[in-house]
């Protein structure tokens, strides 16, 4: 659930504040902030969180592998949305 919350927070920091997390992921995709594949992964993180948040009895408990996978995605998303652009800006303006 916290990984989905992190995705949500990062998108909000990038200005995607309206609507549901689903719609923010979709809008970030159509505006080329994230790729189609990143959106698919973000939706998987979102849906996995929904299973736990809503205590879906048909959903299995997350495994250690599941946790690693969502943390890997959130880390990659942070790198792409915030760290890499900052590095590029520093590289352009350092003399």
N, C-alpha and C. Protein backbone atom coordinates (compact mmCIF):
# COMPACT_ATOMS: atom_id res chain seq x y z
N UNK A 1 0.82 -1.19 0.00
CA UNK A 1 0.00 0.00 0.00
C UNK A 1 0.87 1.25 0.00
N UNK A 2 1.98 1.19 0.71
CA UNK A 2 2.85 2.36 0.77
C UNK A 2 3.51 2.65 -0.57
N UNK A 3 3.78 1.61 -1.35
CA UNK A 3 4.37 1.83 -2.67
C UNK A 3 3.38 2.57 -3.56
N UNK A 4 2.11 2.19 -3.52
CA UNK A 4 1.09 2.89 -4.31
C UNK A 4 0.95 4.33 -3.83
N UNK A 5 1.06 4.53 -2.53
CA UNK A 5 1.01 5.89 -1.99
C UNK A 5 2.21 6.71 -2.46
N UNK A 6 3.37 6.08 -2.57
CA UNK A 6 4.56 6.77 -3.07
C UNK A 6 4.38 7.17 -4.53
N UNK A 7 3.82 6.26 -5.35
CA UNK A 7 3.53 6.58 -6.76
C UNK A 7 2.59 7.77 -6.81
N UNK A 8 1.54 7.73 -6.01
CA UNK A 8 0.56 8.80 -5.95
C UNK A 8 1.21 10.13 -5.58
N UNK A 9 2.04 10.11 -4.55
CA UNK A 9 2.71 11.33 -4.10
C UNK A 9 3.64 11.91 -5.16
N UNK A 10 4.39 11.04 -5.83
CA UNK A 10 5.31 11.52 -6.86
C UNK A 10 4.55 12.16 -8.02
N UNK A 11 3.46 11.54 -8.43
CA UNK A 11 2.67 12.13 -9.52
C UNK A 11 2.07 13.46 -9.09
N UNK A 12 1.64 13.56 -7.85
CA UNK A 12 1.10 14.83 -7.36
C UNK A 12 2.18 15.90 -7.35
N UNK A 13 3.41 15.54 -6.95
CA UNK A 13 4.50 16.50 -6.97
C UNK A 13 4.82 16.99 -8.39
N UNK A 14 4.51 16.15 -9.37
CA UNK A 14 4.72 16.53 -10.77
C UNK A 14 3.51 17.28 -11.34
N UNK A 15 2.51 17.55 -10.49
CA UNK A 15 1.37 18.35 -10.93
C UNK A 15 0.13 17.57 -11.29
N UNK A 16 0.16 16.26 -11.13
CA UNK A 16 -0.99 15.41 -11.45
C UNK A 16 -1.79 15.19 -10.16
N UNK A 17 -2.71 16.12 -9.89
CA UNK A 17 -3.43 16.08 -8.62
C UNK A 17 -4.91 15.75 -8.77
N UNK A 18 -5.46 15.90 -9.94
CA UNK A 18 -6.89 15.69 -10.13
C UNK A 18 -7.22 14.22 -10.38
N UNK A 19 -8.39 13.82 -9.92
CA UNK A 19 -8.90 12.48 -10.20
C UNK A 19 -8.28 11.41 -9.34
N UNK A 20 -8.49 10.19 -9.78
CA UNK A 20 -7.99 9.02 -9.07
C UNK A 20 -6.54 8.74 -9.44
N UNK A 21 -5.91 7.84 -8.72
CA UNK A 21 -4.55 7.44 -9.07
C UNK A 21 -4.54 6.85 -10.48
N UNK A 22 -5.55 6.09 -10.81
CA UNK A 22 -5.65 5.52 -12.17
C UNK A 22 -5.59 6.64 -13.21
N UNK A 23 -6.40 7.66 -13.04
CA UNK A 23 -6.44 8.74 -14.03
C UNK A 23 -5.14 9.54 -14.05
N UNK A 24 -4.49 9.69 -12.89
CA UNK A 24 -3.21 10.41 -12.87
C UNK A 24 -2.12 9.63 -13.60
N UNK A 25 -2.12 8.31 -13.42
CA UNK A 25 -1.16 7.47 -14.16
C UNK A 25 -1.42 7.60 -15.65
N UNK A 26 -2.67 7.53 -16.05
CA UNK A 26 -3.02 7.62 -17.47
C UNK A 26 -2.63 8.98 -18.05
N UNK A 27 -2.89 10.05 -17.32
CA UNK A 27 -2.55 11.38 -17.82
C UNK A 27 -1.03 11.55 -17.93
N UNK A 28 -0.29 11.05 -16.96
CA UNK A 28 1.17 11.13 -17.03
C UNK A 28 1.69 10.35 -18.23
N UNK A 29 1.00 9.29 -18.59
CA UNK A 29 1.39 8.49 -19.76
C UNK A 29 1.10 9.25 -21.05
N UNK A 30 -0.09 9.81 -21.16
CA UNK A 30 -0.45 10.52 -22.40
C UNK A 30 0.40 11.77 -22.59
N UNK A 31 0.90 12.33 -21.48
CA UNK A 31 1.76 13.51 -21.57
C UNK A 31 3.24 13.13 -21.60
N UNK A 32 3.52 11.84 -21.75
CA UNK A 32 4.87 11.30 -21.91
C UNK A 32 5.80 11.58 -20.73
N UNK A 33 5.21 11.67 -19.55
CA UNK A 33 6.01 11.78 -18.33
C UNK A 33 6.54 10.40 -17.95
N UNK A 34 5.70 9.38 -18.19
CA UNK A 34 6.11 7.99 -18.00
C UNK A 34 5.75 7.22 -19.27
N UNK A 35 6.43 6.12 -19.48
CA UNK A 35 6.19 5.30 -20.66
C UNK A 35 4.97 4.40 -20.45
N UNK A 36 4.50 3.79 -21.53
CA UNK A 36 3.39 2.84 -21.45
C UNK A 36 3.74 1.68 -20.51
N UNK A 37 4.95 1.17 -20.61
CA UNK A 37 5.36 0.06 -19.74
C UNK A 37 5.42 0.48 -18.28
N UNK A 38 5.89 1.69 -18.03
CA UNK A 38 5.91 2.19 -16.65
C UNK A 38 4.49 2.33 -16.13
N UNK A 39 3.57 2.76 -16.98
CA UNK A 39 2.17 2.88 -16.58
C UNK A 39 1.59 1.52 -16.24
N UNK A 40 1.92 0.51 -17.04
CA UNK A 40 1.43 -0.85 -16.73
C UNK A 40 1.91 -1.29 -15.36
N UNK A 41 3.18 -1.04 -15.09
CA UNK A 41 3.75 -1.44 -13.80
C UNK A 41 3.11 -0.62 -12.67
N UNK A 42 2.92 0.67 -12.90
CA UNK A 42 2.28 1.52 -11.88
C UNK A 42 0.87 1.02 -11.58
N UNK A 43 0.16 0.61 -12.62
CA UNK A 43 -1.19 0.07 -12.40
C UNK A 43 -1.14 -1.25 -11.62
N UNK A 44 -0.14 -2.08 -11.87
CA UNK A 44 0.01 -3.31 -11.10
C UNK A 44 0.24 -2.98 -9.62
N UNK A 45 1.08 -2.00 -9.36
CA UNK A 45 1.34 -1.58 -7.97
C UNK A 45 0.04 -1.07 -7.35
N UNK A 46 -0.70 -0.26 -8.10
CA UNK A 46 -1.97 0.29 -7.63
C UNK A 46 -2.97 -0.82 -7.31
N UNK A 47 -3.10 -1.78 -8.22
CA UNK A 47 -4.06 -2.87 -8.02
C UNK A 47 -3.65 -3.78 -6.87
N UNK A 48 -2.36 -4.05 -6.74
CA UNK A 48 -1.88 -4.87 -5.62
C UNK A 48 -2.21 -4.18 -4.29
N UNK A 49 -2.05 -2.88 -4.25
CA UNK A 49 -2.38 -2.13 -3.03
C UNK A 49 -3.88 -2.18 -2.77
N UNK A 50 -4.68 -2.10 -3.82
CA UNK A 50 -6.14 -2.18 -3.64
C UNK A 50 -6.53 -3.51 -3.02
N UNK A 51 -5.89 -4.59 -3.46
CA UNK A 51 -6.20 -5.91 -2.88
C UNK A 51 -6.00 -5.90 -1.37
N UNK A 52 -4.92 -5.29 -0.92
CA UNK A 52 -4.61 -5.27 0.51
C UNK A 52 -5.46 -4.23 1.24
N UNK A 53 -5.65 -3.08 0.63
CA UNK A 53 -6.39 -2.00 1.27
C UNK A 53 -7.84 -2.39 1.49
N UNK A 54 -8.41 -3.11 0.55
CA UNK A 54 -9.82 -3.49 0.64
C UNK A 54 -10.00 -4.90 1.20
N UNK A 55 -8.91 -5.48 1.68
CA UNK A 55 -8.94 -6.81 2.30
C UNK A 55 -9.68 -7.81 1.42
N UNK A 56 -9.29 -7.84 0.15
CA UNK A 56 -9.89 -8.78 -0.79
C UNK A 56 -9.54 -10.20 -0.35
N UNK A 57 -10.55 -10.96 0.02
CA UNK A 57 -10.31 -12.31 0.53
C UNK A 57 -9.81 -13.26 -0.55
N UNK A 58 -10.01 -12.93 -1.80
CA UNK A 58 -9.55 -13.78 -2.90
C UNK A 58 -8.09 -13.51 -3.27
N UNK A 59 -7.56 -12.42 -2.77
CA UNK A 59 -6.17 -12.06 -3.09
C UNK A 59 -5.23 -12.68 -2.05
N UNK A 60 -4.14 -13.23 -2.55
CA UNK A 60 -3.15 -13.79 -1.64
C UNK A 60 -2.35 -12.69 -0.96
N UNK A 61 -1.70 -13.06 0.12
CA UNK A 61 -0.83 -12.09 0.80
C UNK A 61 0.41 -11.84 -0.05
N UNK A 62 0.90 -10.62 -0.04
CA UNK A 62 2.11 -10.33 -0.80
C UNK A 62 3.30 -11.12 -0.26
N UNK A 63 4.19 -11.47 -1.17
CA UNK A 63 5.41 -12.19 -0.80
C UNK A 63 6.58 -11.22 -0.71
N UNK A 64 7.71 -11.74 -0.27
CA UNK A 64 8.93 -10.92 -0.25
C UNK A 64 9.28 -10.47 -1.66
N UNK A 65 9.08 -11.35 -2.64
CA UNK A 65 9.33 -10.99 -4.03
C UNK A 65 8.41 -9.85 -4.47
N UNK A 66 7.14 -9.91 -4.10
CA UNK A 66 6.19 -8.84 -4.44
C UNK A 66 6.66 -7.51 -3.86
N UNK A 67 7.10 -7.54 -2.61
CA UNK A 67 7.56 -6.32 -1.96
C UNK A 67 8.79 -5.75 -2.68
N UNK A 68 9.73 -6.62 -3.02
CA UNK A 68 10.93 -6.15 -3.73
C UNK A 68 10.57 -5.54 -5.08
N UNK A 69 9.64 -6.17 -5.77
CA UNK A 69 9.24 -5.70 -7.08
C UNK A 69 8.62 -4.30 -7.02
N UNK A 70 7.74 -4.05 -6.06
CA UNK A 70 7.12 -2.72 -5.99
C UNK A 70 8.12 -1.67 -5.51
N UNK A 71 9.02 -2.07 -4.61
CA UNK A 71 10.05 -1.12 -4.18
C UNK A 71 10.98 -0.78 -5.33
N UNK A 72 11.32 -1.78 -6.14
CA UNK A 72 12.15 -1.52 -7.33
C UNK A 72 11.46 -0.53 -8.26
N UNK A 73 10.16 -0.69 -8.45
CA UNK A 73 9.44 0.22 -9.33
C UNK A 73 9.42 1.64 -8.76
N UNK A 74 9.10 1.77 -7.50
CA UNK A 74 9.02 3.10 -6.89
C UNK A 74 10.39 3.78 -6.94
N UNK A 75 11.44 3.03 -6.70
CA UNK A 75 12.79 3.59 -6.78
C UNK A 75 13.11 4.05 -8.20
N UNK A 76 12.76 3.23 -9.18
CA UNK A 76 13.01 3.59 -10.58
C UNK A 76 12.20 4.81 -10.97
N UNK A 77 10.95 4.86 -10.54
CA UNK A 77 10.10 6.00 -10.86
C UNK A 77 10.67 7.28 -10.27
N UNK A 78 11.13 7.22 -9.02
CA UNK A 78 11.73 8.40 -8.39
C UNK A 78 12.98 8.83 -9.14
N UNK A 79 13.77 7.86 -9.57
CA UNK A 79 14.98 8.16 -10.33
C UNK A 79 14.62 8.90 -11.63
N UNK A 80 13.63 8.41 -12.32
CA UNK A 80 13.25 8.98 -13.62
C UNK A 80 12.57 10.33 -13.48
N UNK A 81 11.68 10.46 -12.50
CA UNK A 81 10.92 11.70 -12.36
C UNK A 81 11.70 12.83 -11.69
N UNK A 82 12.62 12.48 -10.78
CA UNK A 82 13.27 13.52 -9.98
C UNK A 82 14.79 13.53 -10.06
N UNK A 83 15.42 12.38 -9.89
CA UNK A 83 16.87 12.34 -9.78
C UNK A 83 17.54 12.62 -11.13
N UNK A 84 17.13 11.89 -12.16
CA UNK A 84 17.75 12.07 -13.47
C UNK A 84 17.57 13.48 -14.02
N UNK A 85 16.36 14.07 -13.98
CA UNK A 85 16.24 15.45 -14.47
C UNK A 85 17.13 16.43 -13.71
N UNK A 86 17.29 16.22 -12.40
CA UNK A 86 18.15 17.08 -11.61
C UNK A 86 19.60 16.92 -12.04
N UNK A 87 20.03 15.69 -12.28
CA UNK A 87 21.41 15.47 -12.75
C UNK A 87 21.65 16.13 -14.09
N UNK A 88 20.69 16.04 -14.97
CA UNK A 88 20.82 16.67 -16.29
C UNK A 88 20.94 18.18 -16.13
N UNK A 89 20.10 18.78 -15.31
CA UNK A 89 20.16 20.23 -15.10
C UNK A 89 21.51 20.65 -14.52
N UNK A 90 21.99 19.89 -13.55
CA UNK A 90 23.31 20.22 -12.98
C UNK A 90 24.40 20.08 -14.03
N UNK A 91 24.31 19.05 -14.86
CA UNK A 91 25.30 18.85 -15.91
C UNK A 91 25.30 19.97 -16.93
N UNK A 92 24.12 20.48 -17.23
CA UNK A 92 24.03 21.56 -18.21
C UNK A 92 24.56 22.88 -17.69
N UNK A 93 24.40 23.13 -16.41
CA UNK A 93 24.72 24.45 -15.89
C UNK A 93 25.97 24.50 -15.04
N UNK A 94 26.71 23.39 -14.96
CA UNK A 94 28.00 23.43 -14.26
C UNK A 94 29.06 23.94 -15.23
N UNK A 95 29.94 24.73 -14.71
CA UNK A 95 31.01 25.21 -15.59
C UNK A 95 32.35 24.77 -15.12
